Amino acid sequence: MEDLLVSENRDALASRALELAVRLVGGGSAALFNAQGTASSTRGLEPAEVGELSRNLPSLLSGVSRITLAGDEKSVMMLPIAGLSETARLVVVAGPFTPGFGSDEMTRTQQLMSAFVTALDRRHLITQLEQSNEALKEANRHKSVFLANMSHELRTPLNAIIGFSELLSDSRDGQFDEATRKRFLGQIVTSGKHLLGLINDILDLSKVEAGQMEL
């Protein structure tokens, strides 16, 4: 069962689990049905047999029962599966050399399904971690672009404030008339307000990241 834990995806896990389930009971066929009653994986079953099993699912109880399949009465084992990412039912149909299922077959199959669920949950958690990691990388990329753009936006009003302030500070008496001085002061005020707005945007972003502010 160890190879279940290293299967790369859900389909590979399911295929391997069905293969092992059939082998554990000494032959036969098997299928996994999702919560809607649709076969998600099968082994050793014809399409018509899968359809018959699907129609019989509502009447199958957990454990062993007998149903008519393809005109023959056969022993069937049904086990529910519940994990973090999947709720399903395993149906194992006895083969010609395994006319019925005993407690040993039930126990071994239950142990197999426990390992299958563990592997499914592990794969599910790995996928979630990979998606979260990618989302964090994307968020960091956007943050880097934002900060790069903001750096340019901050320099523009700062340069205006410093430039007009230096002109006024270094000017000689009478160099600029009153209208020009007011225009320079107006540019300083406008640039200061714009700079304050940019700083507030950065502070708001920091609060959002710290969980102190809702978007």
N, C-alpha and C. Protein backbone atom coordinates (compact mmCIF):
# COMPACT_ATOMS: atom_id res chain seq x y z
N MET A 1 0.81 -1.21 0.00
CA MET A 1 0.00 0.00 0.00
C MET A 1 0.85 1.27 0.00
N GLU A 2 2.17 1.12 0.24
CA GLU A 2 3.01 2.30 0.38
C GLU A 2 3.00 3.16 -0.87
N ASP A 3 2.85 2.52 -2.06
CA ASP A 3 2.92 3.30 -3.29
C ASP A 3 1.72 4.22 -3.46
N LEU A 4 0.65 3.99 -2.69
CA LEU A 4 -0.48 4.92 -2.74
C LEU A 4 -0.05 6.31 -2.30
N LEU A 5 0.86 6.37 -1.35
CA LEU A 5 1.26 7.64 -0.78
C LEU A 5 2.13 8.47 -1.70
N VAL A 6 2.66 7.87 -2.77
CA VAL A 6 3.52 8.62 -3.67
C VAL A 6 2.89 8.83 -5.04
N SER A 7 1.64 8.38 -5.24
CA SER A 7 0.97 8.62 -6.51
C SER A 7 0.77 10.12 -6.70
N GLU A 8 0.91 10.57 -7.94
CA GLU A 8 0.98 12.01 -8.18
C GLU A 8 -0.37 12.71 -8.20
N ASN A 9 -1.45 12.02 -8.59
CA ASN A 9 -2.73 12.70 -8.68
C ASN A 9 -3.87 11.78 -8.28
N ARG A 10 -5.07 12.34 -8.26
CA ARG A 10 -6.23 11.61 -7.79
C ARG A 10 -6.53 10.40 -8.67
N ASP A 11 -6.45 10.54 -9.99
CA ASP A 11 -6.75 9.43 -10.90
C ASP A 11 -5.77 8.28 -10.71
N ALA A 12 -4.49 8.62 -10.54
CA ALA A 12 -3.49 7.57 -10.31
C ALA A 12 -3.75 6.87 -8.98
N LEU A 13 -4.12 7.64 -7.96
CA LEU A 13 -4.45 7.06 -6.66
C LEU A 13 -5.63 6.10 -6.77
N ALA A 14 -6.69 6.55 -7.44
CA ALA A 14 -7.90 5.73 -7.56
C ALA A 14 -7.62 4.46 -8.35
N SER A 15 -6.88 4.57 -9.44
CA SER A 15 -6.56 3.40 -10.25
C SER A 15 -5.78 2.37 -9.45
N ARG A 16 -4.79 2.85 -8.69
CA ARG A 16 -3.98 1.94 -7.89
C ARG A 16 -4.80 1.32 -6.76
N ALA A 17 -5.70 2.12 -6.15
CA ALA A 17 -6.53 1.60 -5.06
C ALA A 17 -7.46 0.49 -5.56
N LEU A 18 -8.05 0.67 -6.74
CA LEU A 18 -8.94 -0.36 -7.29
C LEU A 18 -8.15 -1.63 -7.64
N GLU A 19 -6.97 -1.43 -8.19
CA GLU A 19 -6.12 -2.59 -8.51
C GLU A 19 -5.81 -3.40 -7.26
N LEU A 20 -5.45 -2.71 -6.18
CA LEU A 20 -5.13 -3.39 -4.93
C LEU A 20 -6.37 -4.02 -4.30
N ALA A 21 -7.52 -3.35 -4.41
CA ALA A 21 -8.75 -3.89 -3.84
C ALA A 21 -9.12 -5.21 -4.49
N VAL A 22 -9.03 -5.27 -5.80
CA VAL A 22 -9.34 -6.51 -6.53
C VAL A 22 -8.35 -7.60 -6.15
N ARG A 23 -7.07 -7.22 -6.05
CA ARG A 23 -6.05 -8.21 -5.70
C ARG A 23 -6.26 -8.74 -4.28
N LEU A 24 -6.64 -7.86 -3.36
CA LEU A 24 -6.82 -8.27 -1.96
C LEU A 24 -7.91 -9.32 -1.78
N VAL A 25 -8.96 -9.24 -2.59
CA VAL A 25 -10.08 -10.18 -2.43
C VAL A 25 -9.96 -11.39 -3.35
N GLY A 26 -8.85 -11.48 -4.07
CA GLY A 26 -8.61 -12.65 -4.90
C GLY A 26 -9.23 -12.60 -6.27
N GLY A 27 -9.43 -11.42 -6.81
CA GLY A 27 -9.97 -11.29 -8.16
C GLY A 27 -11.34 -10.66 -8.17
N GLY A 28 -11.80 -10.30 -9.37
CA GLY A 28 -13.10 -9.68 -9.51
C GLY A 28 -12.97 -8.33 -10.19
N SER A 29 -13.83 -7.41 -9.83
CA SER A 29 -13.83 -6.08 -10.43
C SER A 29 -14.23 -5.07 -9.37
N ALA A 30 -14.05 -3.79 -9.69
CA ALA A 30 -14.33 -2.77 -8.68
C ALA A 30 -14.59 -1.43 -9.35
N ALA A 31 -15.23 -0.54 -8.60
CA ALA A 31 -15.51 0.81 -9.09
C ALA A 31 -15.62 1.77 -7.92
N LEU A 32 -15.27 3.01 -8.18
CA LEU A 32 -15.47 4.09 -7.23
C LEU A 32 -16.58 4.99 -7.76
N PHE A 33 -17.58 5.24 -6.94
CA PHE A 33 -18.69 6.10 -7.32
C PHE A 33 -18.67 7.36 -6.47
N ASN A 34 -18.84 8.52 -7.12
CA ASN A 34 -18.85 9.76 -6.36
C ASN A 34 -20.18 9.95 -5.64
N ALA A 35 -20.31 11.08 -4.95
CA ALA A 35 -21.50 11.32 -4.14
C ALA A 35 -22.77 11.38 -4.98
N GLN A 36 -22.63 11.68 -6.28
CA GLN A 36 -23.80 11.75 -7.17
C GLN A 36 -24.14 10.40 -7.79
N GLY A 37 -23.35 9.37 -7.48
CA GLY A 37 -23.62 8.04 -8.02
C GLY A 37 -23.00 7.78 -9.37
N THR A 38 -22.09 8.64 -9.79
CA THR A 38 -21.40 8.47 -11.07
C THR A 38 -20.05 7.80 -10.83
N ALA A 39 -19.74 6.82 -11.68
CA ALA A 39 -18.46 6.11 -11.54
C ALA A 39 -17.31 7.03 -11.94
N SER A 40 -16.39 7.25 -11.00
CA SER A 40 -15.24 8.09 -11.29
C SER A 40 -14.02 7.27 -11.69
N SER A 41 -13.99 5.99 -11.28
CA SER A 41 -12.90 5.08 -11.65
C SER A 41 -13.46 3.66 -11.64
N THR A 42 -13.01 2.86 -12.60
CA THR A 42 -13.48 1.47 -12.66
C THR A 42 -12.31 0.55 -13.00
N ARG A 43 -12.50 -0.73 -12.68
CA ARG A 43 -11.51 -1.74 -13.03
C ARG A 43 -12.23 -3.06 -13.28
N GLY A 44 -12.05 -3.59 -14.51
CA GLY A 44 -12.60 -4.90 -14.85
C GLY A 44 -14.10 -4.94 -15.07
N LEU A 45 -14.74 -3.79 -15.30
CA LEU A 45 -16.18 -3.74 -15.50
C LEU A 45 -16.52 -3.20 -16.89
N GLU A 46 -17.52 -3.82 -17.52
CA GLU A 46 -18.03 -3.32 -18.79
C GLU A 46 -18.93 -2.11 -18.51
N PRO A 47 -19.06 -1.21 -19.50
CA PRO A 47 -19.92 -0.03 -19.30
C PRO A 47 -21.33 -0.38 -18.83
N ALA A 48 -21.90 -1.47 -19.39
CA ALA A 48 -23.25 -1.87 -18.98
C ALA A 48 -23.27 -2.29 -17.52
N GLU A 49 -22.21 -2.95 -17.07
CA GLU A 49 -22.14 -3.37 -15.67
C GLU A 49 -22.00 -2.17 -14.74
N VAL A 50 -21.23 -1.18 -15.18
CA VAL A 50 -21.09 0.04 -14.39
C VAL A 50 -22.45 0.72 -14.24
N GLY A 51 -23.22 0.74 -15.34
CA GLY A 51 -24.55 1.33 -15.28
C GLY A 51 -25.47 0.59 -14.32
N GLU A 52 -25.40 -0.76 -14.34
CA GLU A 52 -26.22 -1.55 -13.42
C GLU A 52 -25.84 -1.28 -11.97
N LEU A 53 -24.54 -1.23 -11.71
CA LEU A 53 -24.09 -0.95 -10.34
C LEU A 53 -24.56 0.43 -9.89
N SER A 54 -24.47 1.41 -10.78
CA SER A 54 -24.90 2.75 -10.44
C SER A 54 -26.38 2.79 -10.08
N ARG A 55 -27.19 2.05 -10.83
CA ARG A 55 -28.63 2.01 -10.55
C ARG A 55 -28.93 1.29 -9.24
N ASN A 56 -28.07 0.34 -8.87
CA ASN A 56 -28.28 -0.43 -7.64
C ASN A 56 -27.71 0.24 -6.39
N LEU A 57 -26.93 1.31 -6.59
CA LEU A 57 -26.26 1.96 -5.45
C LEU A 57 -27.22 2.35 -4.32
N PRO A 58 -28.37 2.96 -4.62
CA PRO A 58 -29.25 3.37 -3.52
C PRO A 58 -29.69 2.23 -2.61
N SER A 59 -29.72 1.00 -3.15
CA SER A 59 -30.19 -0.13 -2.35
C SER A 59 -29.05 -0.89 -1.67
N LEU A 60 -27.81 -0.52 -2.00
CA LEU A 60 -26.67 -1.23 -1.41
C LEU A 60 -26.35 -0.66 -0.03
N LEU A 61 -26.27 -1.53 0.94
CA LEU A 61 -25.88 -1.13 2.28
C LEU A 61 -24.38 -1.32 2.46
N SER A 62 -23.81 -0.61 3.43
CA SER A 62 -22.40 -0.78 3.72
C SER A 62 -22.15 -2.22 4.16
N GLY A 63 -21.19 -2.86 3.51
CA GLY A 63 -20.90 -4.26 3.83
C GLY A 63 -21.09 -5.13 2.60
N VAL A 64 -21.54 -6.36 2.81
CA VAL A 64 -21.66 -7.34 1.72
C VAL A 64 -23.13 -7.62 1.43
N SER A 65 -23.46 -7.66 0.15
CA SER A 65 -24.81 -8.02 -0.28
C SER A 65 -24.72 -8.74 -1.61
N ARG A 66 -25.86 -9.18 -2.12
CA ARG A 66 -25.88 -9.88 -3.39
C ARG A 66 -26.82 -9.15 -4.34
N ILE A 67 -26.35 -8.98 -5.60
CA ILE A 67 -27.17 -8.35 -6.61
C ILE A 67 -27.04 -9.13 -7.91
N THR A 68 -27.94 -8.86 -8.83
CA THR A 68 -27.85 -9.47 -10.16
C THR A 68 -27.12 -8.50 -11.07
N LEU A 69 -26.04 -8.99 -11.65
CA LEU A 69 -25.20 -8.16 -12.51
C LEU A 69 -24.92 -8.90 -13.81
N ALA A 70 -25.32 -8.32 -14.92
CA ALA A 70 -25.15 -8.95 -16.24
C ALA A 70 -25.79 -10.33 -16.27
N GLY A 71 -26.94 -10.45 -15.61
CA GLY A 71 -27.68 -11.70 -15.62
C GLY A 71 -27.25 -12.72 -14.60
N ASP A 72 -26.18 -12.46 -13.87
CA ASP A 72 -25.69 -13.40 -12.86
C ASP A 72 -25.78 -12.78 -11.47
N GLU A 73 -26.13 -13.61 -10.49
CA GLU A 73 -26.15 -13.13 -9.11
C GLU A 73 -24.73 -13.15 -8.56
N LYS A 74 -24.33 -12.01 -8.02
CA LYS A 74 -22.94 -11.90 -7.55
C LYS A 74 -22.90 -11.24 -6.17
N SER A 75 -21.84 -11.59 -5.46
CA SER A 75 -21.60 -10.98 -4.15
C SER A 75 -20.90 -9.64 -4.36
N VAL A 76 -21.37 -8.64 -3.64
CA VAL A 76 -20.84 -7.28 -3.79
C VAL A 76 -20.50 -6.71 -2.41
N MET A 77 -19.32 -6.07 -2.34
CA MET A 77 -18.91 -5.38 -1.11
C MET A 77 -18.96 -3.88 -1.37
N MET A 78 -19.62 -3.14 -0.49
CA MET A 78 -19.69 -1.68 -0.63
C MET A 78 -19.16 -1.02 0.63
N LEU A 79 -18.22 -0.11 0.44
CA LEU A 79 -17.63 0.61 1.57
C LEU A 79 -17.70 2.11 1.30
N PRO A 80 -18.21 2.90 2.25
CA PRO A 80 -18.22 4.36 2.09
C PRO A 80 -16.83 4.94 2.31
N ILE A 81 -16.53 6.02 1.62
CA ILE A 81 -15.24 6.70 1.73
C ILE A 81 -15.51 8.17 2.03
N ALA A 82 -14.86 8.68 3.05
CA ALA A 82 -15.04 10.10 3.40
C ALA A 82 -13.70 10.70 3.75
N GLY A 83 -13.27 11.67 2.95
CA GLY A 83 -12.00 12.35 3.22
C GLY A 83 -12.20 13.85 3.14
N LEU A 84 -11.10 14.59 3.20
CA LEU A 84 -11.17 16.04 3.13
C LEU A 84 -11.65 16.52 1.77
N SER A 85 -11.27 15.81 0.73
CA SER A 85 -11.54 16.28 -0.62
C SER A 85 -12.55 15.43 -1.37
N GLU A 86 -12.96 14.31 -0.81
CA GLU A 86 -13.82 13.41 -1.59
C GLU A 86 -14.71 12.56 -0.68
N THR A 87 -15.97 12.45 -1.09
CA THR A 87 -16.91 11.52 -0.48
C THR A 87 -17.34 10.56 -1.58
N ALA A 88 -17.13 9.27 -1.37
CA ALA A 88 -17.39 8.31 -2.43
C ALA A 88 -17.78 6.96 -1.84
N ARG A 89 -18.04 6.03 -2.75
CA ARG A 89 -18.34 4.66 -2.34
C ARG A 89 -17.53 3.70 -3.20
N LEU A 90 -16.89 2.76 -2.53
CA LEU A 90 -16.17 1.70 -3.24
C LEU A 90 -17.09 0.49 -3.36
N VAL A 91 -17.20 -0.03 -4.58
CA VAL A 91 -17.97 -1.25 -4.81
C VAL A 91 -17.04 -2.29 -5.41
N VAL A 92 -16.91 -3.42 -4.73
CA VAL A 92 -16.08 -4.53 -5.22
C VAL A 92 -17.00 -5.69 -5.55
N VAL A 93 -16.88 -6.20 -6.77
CA VAL A 93 -17.71 -7.33 -7.22
C VAL A 93 -16.87 -8.59 -7.21
N ALA A 94 -17.37 -9.63 -6.57
CA ALA A 94 -16.63 -10.89 -6.48
C ALA A 94 -16.43 -11.49 -7.86
N GLY A 95 -15.26 -12.08 -8.06
CA GLY A 95 -14.96 -12.75 -9.32
C GLY A 95 -15.33 -14.22 -9.27
N PRO A 96 -15.08 -14.95 -10.36
CA PRO A 96 -15.44 -16.37 -10.42
C PRO A 96 -14.70 -17.23 -9.41
N PHE A 97 -13.53 -16.79 -8.99
CA PHE A 97 -12.76 -17.58 -8.02
C PHE A 97 -12.94 -17.06 -6.59
N THR A 98 -13.77 -16.05 -6.44
CA THR A 98 -14.08 -15.52 -5.11
C THR A 98 -15.59 -15.35 -5.03
N PRO A 99 -16.31 -16.43 -4.80
CA PRO A 99 -17.78 -16.36 -4.82
C PRO A 99 -18.38 -15.46 -3.75
N GLY A 100 -17.67 -15.19 -2.69
CA GLY A 100 -18.22 -14.35 -1.63
C GLY A 100 -17.13 -13.64 -0.86
N PHE A 101 -17.52 -12.76 0.03
CA PHE A 101 -16.57 -11.99 0.83
C PHE A 101 -16.77 -12.32 2.31
N GLY A 102 -15.65 -12.58 2.99
CA GLY A 102 -15.71 -12.84 4.43
C GLY A 102 -15.18 -11.66 5.21
N SER A 103 -15.06 -11.85 6.52
CA SER A 103 -14.59 -10.76 7.38
C SER A 103 -13.15 -10.37 7.07
N ASP A 104 -12.33 -11.35 6.64
CA ASP A 104 -10.93 -11.03 6.31
C ASP A 104 -10.86 -10.08 5.12
N GLU A 105 -11.65 -10.39 4.07
CA GLU A 105 -11.66 -9.52 2.89
C GLU A 105 -12.17 -8.12 3.24
N MET A 106 -13.19 -8.08 4.09
CA MET A 106 -13.73 -6.78 4.51
C MET A 106 -12.67 -5.97 5.26
N THR A 107 -11.98 -6.62 6.20
CA THR A 107 -10.97 -5.92 7.01
C THR A 107 -9.84 -5.40 6.14
N ARG A 108 -9.34 -6.25 5.23
CA ARG A 108 -8.23 -5.83 4.37
C ARG A 108 -8.65 -4.68 3.46
N THR A 109 -9.85 -4.76 2.94
CA THR A 109 -10.32 -3.70 2.04
C THR A 109 -10.54 -2.39 2.80
N GLN A 110 -11.04 -2.48 4.02
CA GLN A 110 -11.20 -1.28 4.84
C GLN A 110 -9.85 -0.63 5.14
N GLN A 111 -8.85 -1.45 5.42
CA GLN A 111 -7.51 -0.92 5.67
C GLN A 111 -6.96 -0.24 4.41
N LEU A 112 -7.22 -0.86 3.26
CA LEU A 112 -6.78 -0.27 2.00
C LEU A 112 -7.45 1.09 1.78
N MET A 113 -8.76 1.15 2.02
CA MET A 113 -9.49 2.40 1.81
C MET A 113 -9.04 3.48 2.80
N SER A 114 -8.65 3.07 3.99
CA SER A 114 -8.11 4.04 4.95
C SER A 114 -6.82 4.65 4.41
N ALA A 115 -5.96 3.81 3.83
CA ALA A 115 -4.73 4.31 3.23
C ALA A 115 -5.03 5.19 2.02
N PHE A 116 -6.05 4.82 1.25
CA PHE A 116 -6.45 5.59 0.08
C PHE A 116 -6.92 6.99 0.49
N VAL A 117 -7.76 7.05 1.53
CA VAL A 117 -8.25 8.34 2.01
C VAL A 117 -7.10 9.20 2.53
N THR A 118 -6.16 8.57 3.25
CA THR A 118 -4.99 9.31 3.74
C THR A 118 -4.20 9.90 2.58
N ALA A 119 -4.02 9.09 1.52
CA ALA A 119 -3.28 9.56 0.35
C ALA A 119 -4.03 10.68 -0.37
N LEU A 120 -5.36 10.53 -0.47
CA LEU A 120 -6.18 11.58 -1.10
C LEU A 120 -6.07 12.89 -0.33
N ASP A 121 -6.19 12.79 1.00
CA ASP A 121 -6.12 13.99 1.83
C ASP A 121 -4.74 14.64 1.73
N ARG A 122 -3.70 13.80 1.69
CA ARG A 122 -2.34 14.33 1.56
C ARG A 122 -2.20 15.08 0.23
N ARG A 123 -2.70 14.47 -0.86
CA ARG A 123 -2.63 15.11 -2.17
C ARG A 123 -3.44 16.41 -2.19
N HIS A 124 -4.59 16.39 -1.51
CA HIS A 124 -5.44 17.57 -1.44
C HIS A 124 -4.73 18.71 -0.71
N LEU A 125 -4.10 18.39 0.42
CA LEU A 125 -3.40 19.41 1.20
C LEU A 125 -2.20 19.96 0.43
N ILE A 126 -1.48 19.07 -0.27
CA ILE A 126 -0.34 19.52 -1.07
C ILE A 126 -0.82 20.49 -2.16
N THR A 127 -1.93 20.15 -2.82
CA THR A 127 -2.48 21.01 -3.86
C THR A 127 -2.87 22.36 -3.29
N GLN A 128 -3.51 22.35 -2.12
CA GLN A 128 -3.90 23.61 -1.49
C GLN A 128 -2.68 24.46 -1.14
N LEU A 129 -1.63 23.80 -0.63
CA LEU A 129 -0.41 24.53 -0.29
C LEU A 129 0.24 25.12 -1.53
N GLU A 130 0.24 24.35 -2.62
CA GLU A 130 0.82 24.83 -3.87
C GLU A 130 0.04 26.04 -4.39
N GLN A 131 -1.30 25.96 -4.31
CA GLN A 131 -2.13 27.07 -4.77
C GLN A 131 -1.94 28.30 -3.89
N SER A 132 -1.84 28.08 -2.57
CA SER A 132 -1.62 29.20 -1.66
C SER A 132 -0.26 29.85 -1.90
N ASN A 133 0.75 29.01 -2.15
CA ASN A 133 2.09 29.51 -2.41
C ASN A 133 2.11 30.34 -3.69
N GLU A 134 1.40 29.86 -4.72
CA GLU A 134 1.35 30.59 -5.98
C GLU A 134 0.60 31.91 -5.81
N ALA A 135 -0.47 31.88 -4.99
CA ALA A 135 -1.23 33.11 -4.73
C ALA A 135 -0.36 34.13 -4.00
N LEU A 136 0.45 33.65 -3.06
CA LEU A 136 1.36 34.55 -2.33
C LEU A 136 2.41 35.15 -3.27
N LYS A 137 2.93 34.31 -4.18
CA LYS A 137 3.91 34.81 -5.14
C LYS A 137 3.29 35.88 -6.03
N GLU A 138 2.06 35.63 -6.48
CA GLU A 138 1.38 36.59 -7.33
C GLU A 138 1.12 37.90 -6.58
N ALA A 139 0.71 37.77 -5.31
CA ALA A 139 0.47 38.96 -4.49
C ALA A 139 1.76 39.76 -4.31
N ASN A 140 2.87 39.05 -4.11
CA ASN A 140 4.16 39.73 -3.96
C ASN A 140 4.59 40.42 -5.24
N ARG A 141 4.27 39.78 -6.39
CA ARG A 141 4.60 40.41 -7.68
C ARG A 141 3.81 41.72 -7.84
N HIS A 142 2.52 41.66 -7.51
CA HIS A 142 1.70 42.87 -7.60
C HIS A 142 2.20 43.94 -6.63
N LYS A 143 2.60 43.50 -5.45
CA LYS A 143 3.11 44.44 -4.45
C LYS A 143 4.39 45.12 -4.95
N SER A 144 5.26 44.33 -5.57
CA SER A 144 6.51 44.89 -6.08
C SER A 144 6.24 45.92 -7.18
N VAL A 145 5.28 45.60 -8.07
CA VAL A 145 4.92 46.54 -9.13
C VAL A 145 4.33 47.82 -8.53
N PHE A 146 3.45 47.64 -7.52
CA PHE A 146 2.83 48.79 -6.86
C PHE A 146 3.89 49.69 -6.23
N LEU A 147 4.83 49.08 -5.51
CA LEU A 147 5.86 49.87 -4.82
C LEU A 147 6.78 50.56 -5.82
N ALA A 148 7.07 49.87 -6.94
CA ALA A 148 7.91 50.50 -7.97
C ALA A 148 7.22 51.72 -8.56
N ASN A 149 5.92 51.57 -8.86
CA ASN A 149 5.17 52.71 -9.38
C ASN A 149 5.03 53.81 -8.33
N MET A 150 4.80 53.40 -7.09
CA MET A 150 4.63 54.38 -6.02
C MET A 150 5.92 55.16 -5.78
N SER A 151 7.06 54.50 -5.95
CA SER A 151 8.35 55.18 -5.79
C SER A 151 8.46 56.35 -6.75
N HIS A 152 8.03 56.12 -8.00
CA HIS A 152 8.05 57.20 -8.99
C HIS A 152 7.04 58.29 -8.62
N GLU A 153 5.85 57.85 -8.18
CA GLU A 153 4.81 58.81 -7.81
C GLU A 153 5.23 59.69 -6.63
N LEU A 154 5.97 59.11 -5.70
CA LEU A 154 6.42 59.88 -4.54
C LEU A 154 7.48 60.91 -4.92
N ARG A 155 8.37 60.53 -5.84
CA ARG A 155 9.45 61.44 -6.21
C ARG A 155 8.93 62.70 -6.89
N THR A 156 7.86 62.55 -7.69
CA THR A 156 7.37 63.70 -8.46
C THR A 156 6.91 64.85 -7.56
N PRO A 157 6.00 64.63 -6.59
CA PRO A 157 5.62 65.76 -5.72
C PRO A 157 6.75 66.21 -4.80
N LEU A 158 7.60 65.26 -4.37
CA LEU A 158 8.73 65.65 -3.53
C LEU A 158 9.67 66.59 -4.27
N ASN A 159 9.97 66.26 -5.53
CA ASN A 159 10.85 67.12 -6.33
C ASN A 159 10.22 68.50 -6.53
N ALA A 160 8.89 68.52 -6.70
CA ALA A 160 8.21 69.81 -6.88
C ALA A 160 8.30 70.64 -5.61
N ILE A 161 8.04 70.00 -4.46
CA ILE A 161 8.10 70.72 -3.19
C ILE A 161 9.50 71.28 -2.94
N ILE A 162 10.50 70.42 -3.12
CA ILE A 162 11.89 70.85 -2.89
C ILE A 162 12.29 71.94 -3.88
N GLY A 163 11.93 71.73 -5.16
CA GLY A 163 12.33 72.70 -6.19
C GLY A 163 11.75 74.08 -5.97
N PHE A 164 10.43 74.15 -5.75
CA PHE A 164 9.82 75.46 -5.54
C PHE A 164 10.25 76.09 -4.22
N SER A 165 10.46 75.25 -3.19
CA SER A 165 10.93 75.78 -1.90
C SER A 165 12.31 76.38 -2.03
N GLU A 166 13.20 75.71 -2.79
CA GLU A 166 14.56 76.23 -2.99
C GLU A 166 14.54 77.54 -3.78
N LEU A 167 13.63 77.61 -4.78
CA LEU A 167 13.54 78.85 -5.56
C LEU A 167 13.15 80.02 -4.66
N LEU A 168 12.17 79.78 -3.78
CA LEU A 168 11.74 80.85 -2.89
C LEU A 168 12.79 81.17 -1.84
N SER A 169 13.45 80.11 -1.33
CA SER A 169 14.44 80.31 -0.27
C SER A 169 15.68 81.03 -0.78
N ASP A 170 16.10 80.71 -2.00
CA ASP A 170 17.35 81.27 -2.53
C ASP A 170 17.13 82.56 -3.32
N SER A 171 15.88 82.95 -3.48
CA SER A 171 15.63 84.14 -4.32
C SER A 171 16.05 85.43 -3.61
N ARG A 172 16.47 86.39 -4.41
CA ARG A 172 16.82 87.70 -3.87
C ARG A 172 15.54 88.53 -3.73
N ASP A 173 15.61 89.53 -2.90
CA ASP A 173 14.46 90.42 -2.74
C ASP A 173 14.06 91.02 -4.08
N GLY A 174 12.79 90.90 -4.37
CA GLY A 174 12.29 91.48 -5.60
C GLY A 174 12.49 90.62 -6.83
N GLN A 175 13.15 89.43 -6.68
CA GLN A 175 13.38 88.58 -7.85
C GLN A 175 12.07 88.07 -8.45
N PHE A 176 11.12 87.71 -7.57
CA PHE A 176 9.82 87.22 -8.04
C PHE A 176 8.73 88.16 -7.56
N ASP A 177 7.81 88.47 -8.45
CA ASP A 177 6.69 89.31 -8.03
C ASP A 177 5.73 88.49 -7.18
N GLU A 178 4.74 89.17 -6.60
CA GLU A 178 3.82 88.52 -5.66
C GLU A 178 3.03 87.40 -6.33
N ALA A 179 2.62 87.60 -7.57
CA ALA A 179 1.84 86.57 -8.28
C ALA A 179 2.67 85.30 -8.49
N THR A 180 3.94 85.47 -8.84
CA THR A 180 4.81 84.31 -9.06
C THR A 180 5.05 83.56 -7.75
N ARG A 181 5.27 84.32 -6.67
CA ARG A 181 5.49 83.69 -5.37
C ARG A 181 4.25 82.89 -4.95
N LYS A 182 3.05 83.45 -5.18
CA LYS A 182 1.83 82.73 -4.83
C LYS A 182 1.68 81.47 -5.67
N ARG A 183 2.08 81.58 -6.96
CA ARG A 183 1.99 80.40 -7.82
C ARG A 183 2.93 79.31 -7.33
N PHE A 184 4.15 79.68 -6.92
CA PHE A 184 5.10 78.70 -6.38
C PHE A 184 4.55 78.07 -5.10
N LEU A 185 3.99 78.92 -4.22
CA LEU A 185 3.44 78.40 -2.97
C LEU A 185 2.25 77.48 -3.24
N GLY A 186 1.45 77.84 -4.24
CA GLY A 186 0.32 76.97 -4.61
C GLY A 186 0.79 75.61 -5.10
N GLN A 187 1.88 75.60 -5.88
CA GLN A 187 2.44 74.33 -6.35
C GLN A 187 2.94 73.49 -5.18
N ILE A 188 3.54 74.16 -4.19
CA ILE A 188 4.03 73.44 -3.01
C ILE A 188 2.87 72.82 -2.25
N VAL A 189 1.79 73.58 -2.05
CA VAL A 189 0.62 73.07 -1.33
C VAL A 189 -0.01 71.91 -2.10
N THR A 190 -0.19 72.08 -3.41
CA THR A 190 -0.80 71.02 -4.23
C THR A 190 0.03 69.75 -4.19
N SER A 191 1.35 69.90 -4.35
CA SER A 191 2.24 68.73 -4.32
C SER A 191 2.23 68.08 -2.94
N GLY A 192 2.15 68.90 -1.89
CA GLY A 192 2.10 68.35 -0.53
C GLY A 192 0.85 67.53 -0.30
N LYS A 193 -0.30 68.03 -0.77
CA LYS A 193 -1.55 67.28 -0.61
C LYS A 193 -1.51 65.98 -1.41
N HIS A 194 -0.94 66.06 -2.62
CA HIS A 194 -0.82 64.84 -3.43
C HIS A 194 0.09 63.82 -2.74
N LEU A 195 1.19 64.31 -2.18
CA LEU A 195 2.11 63.43 -1.47
C LEU A 195 1.44 62.81 -0.25
N LEU A 196 0.65 63.59 0.48
CA LEU A 196 -0.06 63.06 1.65
C LEU A 196 -1.04 61.95 1.24
N GLY A 197 -1.72 62.15 0.11
CA GLY A 197 -2.64 61.11 -0.38
C GLY A 197 -1.92 59.82 -0.71
N LEU A 198 -0.74 59.93 -1.34
CA LEU A 198 0.04 58.74 -1.66
C LEU A 198 0.50 58.03 -0.40
N ILE A 199 0.95 58.79 0.58
CA ILE A 199 1.39 58.19 1.85
C ILE A 199 0.23 57.48 2.53
N ASN A 200 -0.95 58.09 2.50
CA ASN A 200 -2.13 57.44 3.10
C ASN A 200 -2.46 56.13 2.39
N ASP A 201 -2.30 56.10 1.06
CA ASP A 201 -2.54 54.86 0.31
C ASP A 201 -1.59 53.76 0.76
N ILE A 202 -0.32 54.13 0.95
CA ILE A 202 0.68 53.15 1.40
C ILE A 202 0.35 52.66 2.80
N LEU A 203 -0.05 53.58 3.67
CA LEU A 203 -0.41 53.19 5.04
C LEU A 203 -1.64 52.29 5.06
N ASP A 204 -2.61 52.58 4.20
CA ASP A 204 -3.80 51.73 4.12
C ASP A 204 -3.44 50.34 3.66
N LEU A 205 -2.52 50.24 2.67
CA LEU A 205 -2.07 48.94 2.19
C LEU A 205 -1.41 48.16 3.32
N SER A 206 -0.60 48.85 4.12
CA SER A 206 0.08 48.19 5.24
C SER A 206 -0.93 47.69 6.26
N LYS A 207 -2.00 48.47 6.50
CA LYS A 207 -3.03 48.06 7.45
C LYS A 207 -3.78 46.84 6.94
N VAL A 208 -4.06 46.81 5.64
CA VAL A 208 -4.74 45.64 5.06
C VAL A 208 -3.89 44.40 5.24
N GLU A 209 -2.59 44.51 4.95
CA GLU A 209 -1.69 43.37 5.08
C GLU A 209 -1.59 42.90 6.53
N ALA A 210 -1.69 43.86 7.47
CA ALA A 210 -1.59 43.51 8.89
C ALA A 210 -2.93 43.05 9.46
N GLY A 211 -3.98 43.08 8.63
CA GLY A 211 -5.29 42.64 9.09
C GLY A 211 -5.99 43.66 9.97
N GLN A 212 -5.55 44.92 9.90
CA GLN A 212 -6.15 45.96 10.75
C GLN A 212 -7.20 46.77 10.01
N MET A 213 -7.40 46.47 8.73
CA MET A 213 -8.35 47.25 7.93
C MET A 213 -9.00 46.34 6.92
N GLU A 214 -10.29 46.52 6.71
CA GLU A 214 -11.02 45.71 5.74
C GLU A 214 -11.12 46.48 4.43
N LEU A 215 -11.02 45.71 3.32
CA LEU A 215 -11.15 46.34 2.01
C LEU A 215 -12.60 46.66 1.73
